[in-house]
């Protein structure tokens, strides 16, 4: 029986030990593939994402002006959907009953922290003045946020003028 060893030597007859050694060699070769076989899978796994990312980045750079225009158009649509769709449809109708009337009363103490107590009042305040006072109170407590949006919306629905400290863009969005 002729057997060929990996190093190219040919044996005419193998002893039992040589046969076992040859079997172990082929087992190891199957367990541990060659360098090319071992390197192919990691290169594809790590190299392919890098190649794809480079290709996407290159295309993005080449077509950057067209992409900027499309992103601005899409961003405007998304913002409009959130402001007009979600807020108007879900949030404002659900939470609207919380702001039926201004929290500021019609008559307000001029100096509530005075010592001795000063019982002079300012008023009667109009609903618009009361809403505006509510916004000032909200901003002094938590910086505005959703409360401010609700109060501004109520002011606008009741026909109040835009307060001087509210930007025209914000007034237009509510």
Protein backbone atom coordinates (compact mmCIF):
# COMPACT_ATOMS: atom_id res chain seq x y z
CA UNK A 1 0.00 0.00 0.00
CA UNK A 2 1.45 3.35 -1.06
CA UNK A 3 0.82 6.43 1.05
CA UNK A 4 1.87 9.99 0.36
CA UNK A 5 2.87 12.17 3.27
CA UNK A 6 2.19 15.96 3.15
CA UNK A 7 5.87 16.74 2.77
CA UNK A 8 6.00 14.68 -0.41
CA UNK A 9 7.71 11.56 0.91
CA UNK A 10 6.28 8.27 -0.25
CA UNK A 11 6.25 5.23 2.01
CA UNK A 12 5.77 1.79 0.63
CA UNK A 13 4.51 0.30 3.83
CA UNK A 14 3.23 2.18 6.87
CA UNK A 15 3.53 0.93 10.35
CA UNK A 16 0.60 1.19 12.70
CA UNK A 17 2.19 4.23 14.41
CA UNK A 18 2.81 5.94 11.07
CA UNK A 19 -0.81 5.35 10.03
CA UNK A 20 -2.08 6.79 13.29
CA UNK A 21 0.20 9.80 12.90
CA UNK A 22 -1.05 10.34 9.37
CA UNK A 23 -4.68 10.16 10.56
CA UNK A 24 -3.96 12.67 13.32
CA UNK A 25 -2.33 14.99 10.78
CA UNK A 26 -5.36 14.95 8.48
CA UNK A 27 -7.71 15.46 11.45
CA UNK A 28 -5.72 18.51 12.53
CA UNK A 29 -5.74 19.85 8.99
CA UNK A 30 -9.55 19.62 8.93
CA UNK A 31 -9.85 21.26 12.36
CA UNK A 32 -7.43 24.07 11.59
CA UNK A 33 -7.94 25.24 8.00
CA UNK A 34 -5.18 26.82 5.98
CA UNK A 35 -4.25 30.46 6.39
CA UNK A 36 -6.27 31.52 3.33
CA UNK A 37 -9.37 29.65 4.50
CA UNK A 38 -8.98 31.00 8.03
CA UNK A 39 -8.52 34.61 6.87
CA UNK A 40 -11.33 34.70 4.30
CA UNK A 41 -14.28 34.72 6.71
CA UNK A 42 -12.97 37.49 9.02
CA UNK A 43 -11.95 39.63 6.05
CA UNK A 44 -15.41 39.37 4.57
CA UNK A 45 -17.03 39.96 7.95
CA UNK A 46 -14.95 43.05 8.77
CA UNK A 47 -13.98 44.24 5.32
CA UNK A 48 -17.37 44.19 3.66
CA UNK A 49 -18.99 46.69 6.06
CA UNK A 50 -15.99 48.99 5.62
CA UNK A 51 -16.28 48.79 1.85
CA UNK A 52 -20.02 49.46 1.99
CA UNK A 53 -19.58 52.39 4.39
CA UNK A 54 -16.89 53.86 2.16
CA UNK A 55 -19.12 53.51 -0.90
CA UNK A 56 -22.07 55.16 0.86
CA UNK A 57 -19.85 57.96 2.15
CA UNK A 58 -18.43 58.54 -1.33
CA UNK A 59 -21.88 58.70 -2.88
CA UNK A 60 -23.03 61.03 -0.13
CA UNK A 61 -20.08 63.33 -0.80
CA UNK A 62 -20.58 63.32 -4.55
CA UNK A 63 -24.32 64.04 -4.31
CA UNK A 64 -24.20 66.20 -1.18
CA UNK A 65 -25.98 69.23 -2.66
CA UNK A 66 -28.92 67.18 -3.93
CA UNK A 67 -29.11 65.31 -0.64
CA UNK A 68 -29.14 68.54 1.39
CA UNK A 69 -32.16 69.78 -0.54
CA UNK A 70 -34.02 66.50 -0.09
CA UNK A 71 -33.25 66.35 3.63
CA UNK A 72 -34.53 69.91 4.11
CA UNK A 73 -37.72 69.06 2.25
CA UNK A 74 -38.21 65.85 4.22
CA UNK A 75 -37.33 67.54 7.53
CA UNK A 76 -39.91 70.25 6.92
CA UNK A 77 -42.53 67.60 6.20
CA UNK A 78 -41.68 65.64 9.32
CA UNK A 79 -41.71 68.74 11.51
CA UNK A 80 -45.02 69.83 10.03
CA UNK A 81 -46.46 66.35 10.63
CA UNK A 82 -45.35 66.39 14.27
CA UNK A 83 -46.50 69.97 14.96
CA UNK A 84 -49.77 69.86 13.09
CA UNK A 85 -50.59 66.16 13.05
CA UNK A 86 -49.62 64.58 16.35
CA UNK A 87 -49.98 67.68 18.57
CA UNK A 88 -53.24 68.85 17.03
CA UNK A 89 -54.81 65.43 16.81
CA UNK A 90 -53.73 63.70 20.01
CA UNK A 91 -51.91 65.82 22.59
CA UNK A 92 -53.86 69.08 22.61
CA UNK A 93 -57.37 67.54 22.63
CA UNK A 94 -56.47 65.13 25.45
CA UNK A 95 -54.76 67.70 27.68
CA UNK A 96 -56.81 70.73 26.63
CA UNK A 97 -59.30 70.52 29.53
CA UNK A 98 -56.44 71.24 31.96
CA UNK A 99 -56.18 74.80 30.64
CA UNK A 100 -59.81 75.91 30.43
CA UNK A 101 -59.17 79.15 32.28
CA UNK A 102 -56.04 81.09 33.18
CA UNK A 103 -54.54 80.17 36.54
CA UNK A 104 -53.94 83.84 37.35
CA UNK A 105 -57.02 85.35 39.06
CA UNK A 106 -58.72 88.51 37.83
CA UNK A 107 -57.51 90.47 40.83
CA UNK A 108 -53.83 90.13 41.82
CA UNK A 109 -52.04 91.35 44.93
CA UNK A 110 -49.51 94.00 43.91
CA UNK A 111 -46.91 93.02 46.50
CA UNK A 112 -47.75 89.68 48.13
CA UNK A 113 -44.38 89.36 49.91
CA UNK A 114 -44.50 92.77 51.62
CA UNK A 115 -44.11 92.95 55.38
CA UNK A 116 -46.41 94.31 56.80
CA UNK A 117 -48.91 92.84 54.38
CA UNK A 118 -49.95 95.13 51.51
CA UNK A 119 -53.55 94.50 50.48
CA UNK A 120 -53.58 96.60 47.32
CA UNK A 121 -54.81 94.77 44.24
CA UNK A 122 -54.24 95.19 40.52
CA UNK A 123 -57.10 94.42 38.25
CA UNK A 124 -59.41 93.42 36.98
CA UNK A 125 -57.08 91.77 34.44
CA UNK A 126 -58.37 90.73 31.03
CA UNK A 127 -58.20 87.05 30.03
CA UNK A 128 -55.29 87.82 27.68
CA UNK A 129 -53.35 89.55 30.49
CA UNK A 130 -54.05 86.59 32.76
CA UNK A 131 -52.81 84.11 30.11
CA UNK A 132 -49.66 86.21 29.64
CA UNK A 133 -49.06 86.21 33.41
CA UNK A 134 -49.45 82.42 33.37
CA UNK A 135 -46.70 82.13 30.73
CA UNK A 136 -44.37 84.29 32.81
CA UNK A 137 -45.07 82.10 35.86
CA UNK A 138 -44.51 78.89 33.87
CA UNK A 139 -41.18 80.15 32.52
CA UNK A 140 -39.99 81.20 35.95
CA UNK A 141 -40.77 77.74 37.37
CA UNK A 142 -39.70 75.29 34.64
CA UNK A 143 -38.48 77.26 31.64
CA UNK A 144 -41.59 76.79 29.48
CA UNK A 145 -42.02 73.57 27.57
CA UNK A 146 -45.36 71.99 26.82
CA UNK A 147 -47.20 74.20 29.35
CA UNK A 148 -46.08 77.25 27.45
CA UNK A 149 -47.32 75.75 24.17
CA UNK A 150 -50.75 75.07 25.66
CA UNK A 151 -51.11 78.57 27.08
CA UNK A 152 -49.97 80.18 23.83
CA UNK A 153 -52.46 78.06 21.92
CA UNK A 154 -55.25 79.15 24.28
CA UNK A 155 -54.23 82.80 23.86
CA UNK A 156 -54.28 82.47 20.08
CA UNK A 157 -57.65 80.67 20.10
CA UNK A 158 -59.16 83.44 22.25
CA UNK A 159 -57.88 86.12 19.86
CA UNK A 160 -55.20 87.61 22.12
CA UNK A 161 -52.32 89.57 20.64
CA UNK A 162 -48.87 87.98 20.56
CA UNK A 163 -46.96 88.86 23.74
CA UNK A 164 -43.77 90.84 23.14
CA UNK A 165 -41.48 88.15 24.54
CA UNK A 166 -42.87 85.43 22.20
CA UNK A 167 -41.18 85.15 18.82
CA UNK A 168 -43.33 85.37 15.69
CA UNK A 169 -42.21 81.92 14.55
CA UNK A 170 -43.32 80.31 17.79
CA UNK A 171 -46.61 82.18 17.68
CA UNK A 172 -47.21 80.91 14.16
CA UNK A 173 -46.51 77.28 15.12
CA UNK A 174 -48.99 77.01 17.98
